[in-house]
């Protein structure tokens, strides 16, 4: 019974780790922050 429990836990861990294939870097992209902007828009005079 103890070995069955260990095998079940190991199988669940392996399945759980294999499900994480998507890159998490894509989730951290802010769509409201531009990658680059022309200086005329950044340095506007008063």
PDB file of N, CA and C in Angstrom:
ATOM      1  N   UNK A   1       0.831  -1.194   0.000  1.00  0.00           N
ATOM      2  CA  UNK A   1       0.000   0.000   0.000  1.00  0.00           C
ATOM      3  C   UNK A   1       0.874   1.255   0.000  1.00  0.00           C
ATOM      4  N   UNK A   2       1.982   1.218   0.744  1.00  0.00           N
ATOM      5  CA  UNK A   2       2.852   2.374   0.810  1.00  0.00           C
ATOM      6  C   UNK A   2       3.524   2.635  -0.541  1.00  0.00           C
ATOM      7  N   UNK A   3       3.935   1.576  -1.224  1.00  0.00           N
ATOM      8  CA  UNK A   3       4.586   1.759  -2.521  1.00  0.00           C
ATOM      9  C   UNK A   3       3.578   2.254  -3.563  1.00  0.00           C
ATOM     10  N   UNK A   4       2.330   1.808  -3.476  1.00  0.00           N
ATOM     11  CA  UNK A   4       1.297   2.287  -4.394  1.00  0.00           C
ATOM     12  C   UNK A   4       1.081   3.783  -4.213  1.00  0.00           C
ATOM     13  N   UNK A   5       1.084   4.223  -2.976  1.00  0.00           N
ATOM     14  CA  UNK A   5       0.903   5.643  -2.682  1.00  0.00           C
ATOM     15  C   UNK A   5       2.078   6.451  -3.231  1.00  0.00           C
ATOM     16  N   UNK A   6       3.288   5.939  -3.051  1.00  0.00           N
ATOM     17  CA  UNK A   6       4.475   6.640  -3.560  1.00  0.00           C
ATOM     18  C   UNK A   6       4.476   6.703  -5.079  1.00  0.00           C
ATOM     19  N   UNK A   7       4.080   5.622  -5.739  1.00  0.00           N
ATOM     20  CA  UNK A   7       4.032   5.596  -7.201  1.00  0.00           C
ATOM     21  C   UNK A   7       2.972   6.566  -7.702  1.00  0.00           C
ATOM     22  N   UNK A   8       1.839   6.631  -7.025  1.00  0.00           N
ATOM     23  CA  UNK A   8       0.767   7.545  -7.412  1.00  0.00           C
ATOM     24  C   UNK A   8       1.222   9.002  -7.272  1.00  0.00           C
ATOM     25  N   UNK A   9       1.874   9.317  -6.184  1.00  0.00           N
ATOM     26  CA  UNK A   9       2.360  10.686  -5.971  1.00  0.00           C
ATOM     27  C   UNK A   9       3.416  11.040  -7.008  1.00  0.00           C
ATOM     28  N   UNK A  10       4.316  10.121  -7.300  1.00  0.00           N
ATOM     29  CA  UNK A  10       5.348  10.359  -8.303  1.00  0.00           C
ATOM     30  C   UNK A  10       4.732  10.565  -9.687  1.00  0.00           C
ATOM     31  N   UNK A  11       3.741   9.760 -10.039  1.00  0.00           N
ATOM     32  CA  UNK A  11       3.084   9.898 -11.342  1.00  0.00           C
ATOM     33  C   UNK A  11       2.368  11.244 -11.444  1.00  0.00           C
ATOM     34  N   UNK A  12       1.721  11.689 -10.389  1.00  0.00           N
ATOM     35  CA  UNK A  12       1.038  12.987 -10.405  1.00  0.00           C
ATOM     36  C   UNK A  12       2.035  14.140 -10.530  1.00  0.00           C
ATOM     37  N   UNK A  13       3.172  14.017  -9.870  1.00  0.00           N
ATOM     38  CA  UNK A  13       4.195  15.053  -9.984  1.00  0.00           C
ATOM     39  C   UNK A  13       4.765  15.121 -11.399  1.00  0.00           C
ATOM     40  N   UNK A  14       5.010  13.974 -12.007  1.00  0.00           N
ATOM     41  CA  UNK A  14       5.535  13.950 -13.372  1.00  0.00           C
ATOM     42  C   UNK A  14       4.523  14.538 -14.340  1.00  0.00           C
ATOM     43  N   UNK A  15       3.266  14.184 -14.190  1.00  0.00           N
ATOM     44  CA  UNK A  15       2.231  14.738 -15.072  1.00  0.00           C
ATOM     45  C   UNK A  15       2.064  16.237 -14.854  1.00  0.00           C
ATOM     46  N   UNK A  16       2.166  16.673 -13.620  1.00  0.00           N
ATOM     47  CA  UNK A  16       2.032  18.094 -13.319  1.00  0.00           C
ATOM     48  C   UNK A  16       3.168  18.917 -13.895  1.00  0.00           C
ATOM     49  N   UNK A  17       4.380  18.397 -13.849  1.00  0.00           N
ATOM     50  CA  UNK A  17       5.532  19.119 -14.374  1.00  0.00           C
ATOM     51  C   UNK A  17       5.544  19.120 -15.903  1.00  0.00           C
ATOM     52  N   UNK A  18       5.033  18.093 -16.517  1.00  0.00           N
ATOM     53  CA  UNK A  18       5.020  18.053 -17.975  1.00  0.00           C
ATOM     54  C   UNK A  18       3.937  18.956 -18.552  1.00  0.00           C
ATOM     55  N   UNK A  19       2.978  19.372 -17.742  1.00  0.00           N
ATOM     56  CA  UNK A  19       1.903  20.232 -18.220  1.00  0.00           C
ATOM     57  C   UNK A  19       2.351  21.688 -18.326  1.00  0.00           C
ATOM     58  N   UNK A  20       3.454  22.041 -17.703  1.00  0.00           N
ATOM     59  CA  UNK A  20       3.935  23.428 -17.699  1.00  0.00           C
ATOM     60  C   UNK A  20       4.893  23.650 -18.858  1.00  0.00           C
ATOM     61  N   UNK A  21       4.373  23.725 -20.060  1.00  0.00           N
ATOM     62  CA  UNK A  21       5.210  23.923 -21.231  1.00  0.00           C
ATOM     63  C   UNK A  21       5.166  25.358 -21.732  1.00  0.00           C
ATOM     64  N   UNK A  22       4.164  26.108 -21.376  1.00  0.00           N
ATOM     65  CA  UNK A  22       4.030  27.475 -21.874  1.00  0.00           C
ATOM     66  C   UNK A  22       5.064  28.375 -21.201  1.00  0.00           C
ATOM     67  N   UNK A  23       5.623  29.252 -21.980  1.00  0.00           N
ATOM     68  CA  UNK A  23       6.616  30.175 -21.467  1.00  0.00           C
ATOM     69  C   UNK A  23       5.932  31.228 -20.592  1.00  0.00           C
ATOM     70  N   UNK A  24       6.464  31.429 -19.404  1.00  0.00           N
ATOM     71  CA  UNK A  24       5.867  32.410 -18.499  1.00  0.00           C
ATOM     72  C   UNK A  24       6.327  33.818 -18.818  1.00  0.00           C
ATOM     73  N   UNK A  25       7.342  33.955 -19.664  1.00  0.00           N
ATOM     74  CA  UNK A  25       7.807  35.290 -20.027  1.00  0.00           C
ATOM     75  C   UNK A  25       6.768  36.042 -20.838  1.00  0.00           C
ATOM     76  N   UNK A  26       5.964  35.330 -21.606  1.00  0.00           N
ATOM     77  CA  UNK A  26       4.928  35.987 -22.395  1.00  0.00           C
ATOM     78  C   UNK A  26       3.841  36.576 -21.516  1.00  0.00           C
ATOM     79  N   UNK A  27       3.679  36.052 -20.317  1.00  0.00           N
ATOM     80  CA  UNK A  27       2.646  36.549 -19.421  1.00  0.00           C
ATOM     81  C   UNK A  27       3.066  37.849 -18.742  1.00  0.00           C
ATOM     82  N   UNK A  28       4.362  38.146 -18.721  1.00  0.00           N
ATOM     83  CA  UNK A  28       4.871  39.318 -18.031  1.00  0.00           C
ATOM     84  C   UNK A  28       4.997  40.542 -18.933  1.00  0.00           C
ATOM     85  N   UNK A  29       4.469  40.495 -20.131  1.00  0.00           N
ATOM     86  CA  UNK A  29       4.561  41.613 -21.065  1.00  0.00           C
ATOM     87  C   UNK A  29       3.436  42.600 -20.788  1.00  0.00           C
ATOM     88  N   UNK A  30       3.808  43.851 -20.604  1.00  0.00           N
ATOM     89  CA  UNK A  30       2.825  44.898 -20.371  1.00  0.00           C
ATOM     90  C   UNK A  30       2.408  45.475 -21.725  1.00  0.00           C
ATOM     91  N   UNK A  31       1.160  45.289 -22.151  1.00  0.00           N
ATOM     92  CA  UNK A  31       0.747  45.793 -23.460  1.00  0.00           C
ATOM     93  C   UNK A  31       0.644  47.319 -23.512  1.00  0.00           C
ATOM     94  N   UNK A  32       0.602  47.980 -22.372  1.00  0.00           N
ATOM     95  CA  UNK A  32       0.476  49.440 -22.343  1.00  0.00           C
ATOM     96  C   UNK A  32       1.825  50.151 -22.353  1.00  0.00           C
ATOM     97  N   UNK A  33       2.918  49.410 -22.197  1.00  0.00           N
ATOM     98  CA  UNK A  33       4.240  50.014 -22.190  1.00  0.00           C
ATOM     99  C   UNK A  33       4.908  49.777 -23.543  1.00  0.00           C
ATOM    100  N   UNK A  34       5.197  50.824 -24.283  1.00  0.00           N
ATOM    101  CA  UNK A  34       5.802  50.641 -25.602  1.00  0.00           C
ATOM    102  C   UNK A  34       7.259  50.187 -25.487  1.00  0.00           C
ATOM    103  N   UNK A  35       7.707  49.429 -26.467  1.00  0.00           N
ATOM    104  CA  UNK A  35       9.094  48.972 -26.490  1.00  0.00           C
ATOM    105  C   UNK A  35      10.024  50.121 -26.862  1.00  0.00           C
ATOM    106  N   UNK A  36       9.559  51.013 -27.725  1.00  0.00           N
ATOM    107  CA  UNK A  36      10.352  52.185 -28.102  1.00  0.00           C
ATOM    108  C   UNK A  36       9.409  53.325 -28.455  1.00  0.00           C
ATOM    109  N   UNK A  37       9.909  54.536 -28.268  1.00  0.00           N
ATOM    110  CA  UNK A  37       9.116  55.721 -28.592  1.00  0.00           C
ATOM    111  C   UNK A  37      10.053  56.773 -29.163  1.00  0.00           C
ATOM    112  N   UNK A  38       9.584  57.535 -30.116  1.00  0.00           N
ATOM    113  CA  UNK A  38      10.435  58.587 -30.677  1.00  0.00           C
ATOM    114  C   UNK A  38      10.703  59.679 -29.629  1.00  0.00           C
ATOM    115  N   UNK A  39      11.889  60.267 -29.663  1.00  0.00           N
ATOM    116  CA  UNK A  39      12.236  61.299 -28.663  1.00  0.00           C
ATOM    117  C   UNK A  39      11.296  62.501 -28.693  1.00  0.00           C
ATOM    118  N   UNK A  40      10.690  62.784 -29.844  1.00  0.00           N
ATOM    119  CA  UNK A  40       9.796  63.939 -29.890  1.00  0.00           C
ATOM    120  C   UNK A  40       8.553  63.740 -29.022  1.00  0.00           C
ATOM    121  N   UNK A  41       8.169  62.504 -28.785  1.00  0.00           N
ATOM    122  CA  UNK A  41       7.022  62.254 -27.917  1.00  0.00           C
ATOM    123  C   UNK A  41       7.417  62.190 -26.447  1.00  0.00           C
ATOM    124  N   UNK A  42       8.663  61.859 -26.183  1.00  0.00           N
ATOM    125  CA  UNK A  42       9.103  61.729 -24.793  1.00  0.00           C
ATOM    126  C   UNK A  42       9.466  63.092 -24.217  1.00  0.00           C
ATOM    127  N   UNK A  43      10.254  63.880 -24.953  1.00  0.00           N
ATOM    128  CA  UNK A  43      10.755  65.166 -24.466  1.00  0.00           C
ATOM    129  C   UNK A  43       9.907  66.306 -25.019  1.00  0.00           C
ATOM    130  N   UNK A  44       8.740  66.422 -24.502  1.00  0.00           N
ATOM    131  CA  UNK A  44       7.849  67.512 -24.929  1.00  0.00           C
ATOM    132  C   UNK A  44       8.118  68.721 -24.053  1.00  0.00           C
ATOM    133  N   UNK A  45       8.221  69.851 -24.647  1.00  0.00           N
ATOM    134  CA  UNK A  45       8.469  71.091 -23.902  1.00  0.00           C
ATOM    135  C   UNK A  45       7.199  71.572 -23.214  1.00  0.00           C
ATOM    136  N   UNK A  46       7.374  72.424 -22.240  1.00  0.00           N
ATOM    137  CA  UNK A  46       6.219  72.972 -21.513  1.00  0.00           C
ATOM    138  C   UNK A  46       5.520  74.032 -22.299  1.00  0.00           C
TER     139      UNK A  46
END
